[in-house]
Amino acid sequence: MGAAEKIYDEMIDLFARGGGAGSVLAFRPSAQAQARVAELLERHREGALTDDERQELERFVELERLMQLVKARARRHQP
């Protein structure tokens, strides 16, 4: 499973558990997912990404944008 898919699963679990705005704001990808993203970013800087890795990194970027929007909305609902 790629980094993006791992983070996607983590986000689904977060939303499925509920817990409100505080849980959303506290969300961080797993250490394993963060390490994979760091690896992909390093390979990107080196110009060494494969097509599959480039797609994996692009999916991560899309998920990161989505989570930023969710967190911005959650801040509005904090007491």
N, C-alpha and C. Protein backbone atom coordinates (compact mmCIF):
# COMPACT_ATOMS: atom_id res chain seq x y z
N MET A 1 0.85 -1.18 0.00
CA MET A 1 0.00 0.00 0.00
C MET A 1 0.89 1.24 0.00
N GLY A 2 0.60 2.18 -0.86
CA GLY A 2 1.38 3.40 -0.94
C GLY A 2 1.05 4.37 0.18
N ALA A 3 1.86 5.41 0.29
CA ALA A 3 1.67 6.41 1.34
C ALA A 3 0.30 7.05 1.25
N ALA A 4 -0.11 7.40 0.04
CA ALA A 4 -1.40 8.07 -0.11
C ALA A 4 -2.55 7.15 0.31
N GLU A 5 -2.48 5.89 -0.09
CA GLU A 5 -3.53 4.95 0.28
C GLU A 5 -3.56 4.73 1.79
N LYS A 6 -2.39 4.68 2.42
CA LYS A 6 -2.31 4.51 3.87
C LYS A 6 -2.96 5.70 4.58
N ILE A 7 -2.64 6.90 4.13
CA ILE A 7 -3.21 8.10 4.75
C ILE A 7 -4.71 8.17 4.48
N TYR A 8 -5.12 7.78 3.29
CA TYR A 8 -6.54 7.73 2.95
C TYR A 8 -7.28 6.82 3.93
N ASP A 9 -6.74 5.63 4.18
CA ASP A 9 -7.34 4.71 5.14
C ASP A 9 -7.38 5.31 6.54
N GLU A 10 -6.32 6.00 6.94
CA GLU A 10 -6.28 6.62 8.26
C GLU A 10 -7.36 7.71 8.37
N MET A 11 -7.55 8.47 7.29
CA MET A 11 -8.58 9.52 7.29
C MET A 11 -9.98 8.90 7.38
N ILE A 12 -10.21 7.83 6.64
CA ILE A 12 -11.51 7.16 6.69
C ILE A 12 -11.79 6.67 8.11
N ASP A 13 -10.77 6.06 8.74
CA ASP A 13 -10.95 5.61 10.12
C ASP A 13 -11.28 6.77 11.05
N LEU A 14 -10.60 7.89 10.87
CA LEU A 14 -10.86 9.07 11.69
C LEU A 14 -12.31 9.50 11.57
N PHE A 15 -12.81 9.61 10.35
CA PHE A 15 -14.18 10.07 10.14
C PHE A 15 -15.19 9.03 10.62
N ALA A 16 -14.87 7.76 10.44
CA ALA A 16 -15.78 6.69 10.87
C ALA A 16 -15.93 6.66 12.39
N ARG A 17 -14.84 6.95 13.11
CA ARG A 17 -14.88 6.95 14.59
C ARG A 17 -15.65 8.15 15.12
N GLY A 18 -15.70 9.22 14.35
CA GLY A 18 -16.33 10.44 14.85
C GLY A 18 -15.39 11.13 15.82
N GLY A 19 -15.91 11.77 16.81
CA GLY A 19 -15.06 12.40 17.81
C GLY A 19 -15.01 13.90 17.70
N GLY A 20 -15.58 14.45 16.66
CA GLY A 20 -15.71 15.89 16.55
C GLY A 20 -14.48 16.60 16.04
N ALA A 21 -14.57 17.92 16.13
CA ALA A 21 -13.55 18.80 15.58
C ALA A 21 -12.18 18.56 16.21
N GLY A 22 -12.15 18.28 17.50
CA GLY A 22 -10.87 18.07 18.17
C GLY A 22 -10.10 16.90 17.58
N SER A 23 -10.79 15.82 17.26
CA SER A 23 -10.13 14.66 16.65
C SER A 23 -9.59 15.00 15.27
N VAL A 24 -10.36 15.73 14.52
CA VAL A 24 -9.93 16.13 13.18
C VAL A 24 -8.68 17.00 13.27
N LEU A 25 -8.71 17.97 14.16
CA LEU A 25 -7.57 18.89 14.29
C LEU A 25 -6.32 18.20 14.80
N ALA A 26 -6.48 17.14 15.57
CA ALA A 26 -5.34 16.41 16.11
C ALA A 26 -4.78 15.38 15.13
N PHE A 27 -5.47 15.13 14.04
CA PHE A 27 -5.06 14.08 13.10
C PHE A 27 -3.67 14.36 12.52
N ARG A 28 -2.85 13.32 12.52
CA ARG A 28 -1.54 13.33 11.86
C ARG A 28 -1.39 11.98 11.19
N PRO A 29 -0.84 11.95 9.98
CA PRO A 29 -0.58 10.65 9.33
C PRO A 29 0.38 9.82 10.19
N SER A 30 0.32 8.52 10.02
CA SER A 30 1.19 7.62 10.77
C SER A 30 2.65 7.92 10.44
N ALA A 31 3.53 7.49 11.33
CA ALA A 31 4.97 7.67 11.12
C ALA A 31 5.41 6.96 9.83
N GLN A 32 4.83 5.80 9.57
CA GLN A 32 5.16 5.05 8.36
C GLN A 32 4.78 5.84 7.10
N ALA A 33 3.59 6.42 7.10
CA ALA A 33 3.15 7.20 5.95
C ALA A 33 4.02 8.45 5.78
N GLN A 34 4.35 9.11 6.90
CA GLN A 34 5.19 10.30 6.82
C GLN A 34 6.57 9.96 6.28
N ALA A 35 7.11 8.83 6.69
CA ALA A 35 8.43 8.40 6.20
C ALA A 35 8.39 8.14 4.70
N ARG A 36 7.31 7.50 4.23
CA ARG A 36 7.19 7.23 2.80
C ARG A 36 7.10 8.52 2.00
N VAL A 37 6.34 9.47 2.49
CA VAL A 37 6.21 10.75 1.81
C VAL A 37 7.56 11.47 1.78
N ALA A 38 8.29 11.43 2.88
CA ALA A 38 9.62 12.05 2.91
C ALA A 38 10.53 11.40 1.87
N GLU A 39 10.44 10.09 1.76
CA GLU A 39 11.23 9.36 0.76
C GLU A 39 10.85 9.80 -0.66
N LEU A 40 9.55 9.89 -0.91
CA LEU A 40 9.09 10.32 -2.24
C LEU A 40 9.53 11.75 -2.55
N LEU A 41 9.46 12.63 -1.56
CA LEU A 41 9.89 14.02 -1.78
C LEU A 41 11.38 14.10 -2.07
N GLU A 42 12.17 13.29 -1.38
CA GLU A 42 13.61 13.27 -1.62
C GLU A 42 13.90 12.77 -3.04
N ARG A 43 13.23 11.70 -3.44
CA ARG A 43 13.41 11.17 -4.80
C ARG A 43 12.96 12.20 -5.85
N HIS A 44 11.92 12.96 -5.51
CA HIS A 44 11.45 14.02 -6.42
C HIS A 44 12.53 15.09 -6.58
N ARG A 45 13.13 15.51 -5.47
CA ARG A 45 14.20 16.52 -5.52
C ARG A 45 15.38 16.03 -6.36
N GLU A 46 15.62 14.73 -6.30
CA GLU A 46 16.73 14.14 -7.05
C GLU A 46 16.37 13.88 -8.51
N GLY A 47 15.09 14.05 -8.85
CA GLY A 47 14.64 13.77 -10.21
C GLY A 47 14.59 12.28 -10.52
N ALA A 48 14.36 11.46 -9.49
CA ALA A 48 14.46 10.02 -9.65
C ALA A 48 13.13 9.29 -9.45
N LEU A 49 12.00 10.00 -9.45
CA LEU A 49 10.71 9.35 -9.25
C LEU A 49 10.30 8.53 -10.47
N THR A 50 9.77 7.36 -10.21
CA THR A 50 9.15 6.58 -11.28
C THR A 50 7.76 7.16 -11.53
N ASP A 51 7.11 6.74 -12.60
CA ASP A 51 5.75 7.21 -12.86
C ASP A 51 4.80 6.82 -11.74
N ASP A 52 4.94 5.59 -11.24
CA ASP A 52 4.08 5.15 -10.13
C ASP A 52 4.32 5.98 -8.88
N GLU A 53 5.58 6.29 -8.58
CA GLU A 53 5.90 7.11 -7.41
C GLU A 53 5.38 8.53 -7.59
N ARG A 54 5.44 9.05 -8.79
CA ARG A 54 4.93 10.40 -9.05
C ARG A 54 3.42 10.43 -8.79
N GLN A 55 2.71 9.40 -9.25
CA GLN A 55 1.27 9.32 -9.01
C GLN A 55 0.97 9.17 -7.52
N GLU A 56 1.76 8.39 -6.83
CA GLU A 56 1.60 8.22 -5.38
C GLU A 56 1.78 9.56 -4.67
N LEU A 57 2.80 10.31 -5.04
CA LEU A 57 3.05 11.61 -4.43
C LEU A 57 1.92 12.59 -4.75
N GLU A 58 1.42 12.56 -5.97
CA GLU A 58 0.31 13.45 -6.35
C GLU A 58 -0.94 13.13 -5.55
N ARG A 59 -1.22 11.85 -5.31
CA ARG A 59 -2.37 11.46 -4.48
C ARG A 59 -2.19 11.98 -3.06
N PHE A 60 -0.96 11.89 -2.54
CA PHE A 60 -0.71 12.41 -1.20
C PHE A 60 -0.99 13.91 -1.14
N VAL A 61 -0.54 14.64 -2.14
CA VAL A 61 -0.75 16.09 -2.17
C VAL A 61 -2.25 16.41 -2.19
N GLU A 62 -3.02 15.66 -2.97
CA GLU A 62 -4.46 15.86 -3.00
C GLU A 62 -5.09 15.60 -1.64
N LEU A 63 -4.67 14.53 -0.97
CA LEU A 63 -5.20 14.22 0.35
C LEU A 63 -4.80 15.27 1.37
N GLU A 64 -3.58 15.77 1.26
CA GLU A 64 -3.13 16.83 2.18
C GLU A 64 -3.99 18.08 2.02
N ARG A 65 -4.28 18.45 0.79
CA ARG A 65 -5.15 19.61 0.55
C ARG A 65 -6.53 19.39 1.13
N LEU A 66 -7.08 18.19 0.92
CA LEU A 66 -8.39 17.87 1.47
C LEU A 66 -8.37 17.99 2.99
N MET A 67 -7.36 17.43 3.63
CA MET A 67 -7.29 17.47 5.09
C MET A 67 -7.14 18.90 5.59
N GLN A 68 -6.41 19.74 4.87
CA GLN A 68 -6.30 21.15 5.26
C GLN A 68 -7.66 21.82 5.24
N LEU A 69 -8.47 21.51 4.23
CA LEU A 69 -9.81 22.08 4.15
C LEU A 69 -10.70 21.57 5.27
N VAL A 70 -10.62 20.28 5.56
CA VAL A 70 -11.41 19.70 6.64
C VAL A 70 -11.02 20.33 7.97
N LYS A 71 -9.72 20.50 8.20
CA LYS A 71 -9.27 21.11 9.46
C LYS A 71 -9.70 22.56 9.56
N ALA A 72 -9.68 23.29 8.46
CA ALA A 72 -10.13 24.69 8.48
C ALA A 72 -11.60 24.75 8.87
N ARG A 73 -12.39 23.85 8.33
CA ARG A 73 -13.81 23.80 8.66
C ARG A 73 -14.01 23.37 10.11
N ALA A 74 -13.21 22.42 10.58
CA ALA A 74 -13.34 21.94 11.97
C ALA A 74 -13.04 23.05 12.95
N ARG A 75 -12.12 23.94 12.62
CA ARG A 75 -11.80 25.06 13.53
C ARG A 75 -13.02 25.93 13.78
N ARG A 76 -13.89 26.05 12.78
CA ARG A 76 -15.10 26.84 12.95
C ARG A 76 -16.05 26.21 13.96
N HIS A 77 -15.98 24.90 14.12
CA HIS A 77 -16.91 24.19 14.98
C HIS A 77 -16.34 23.89 16.35
N GLN A 78 -15.15 24.39 16.64
CA GLN A 78 -14.58 24.20 17.98
C GLN A 78 -15.25 25.15 18.94
N PRO A 79 -15.48 24.66 20.16
CA PRO A 79 -16.09 25.55 21.18
C PRO A 79 -15.13 26.64 21.63
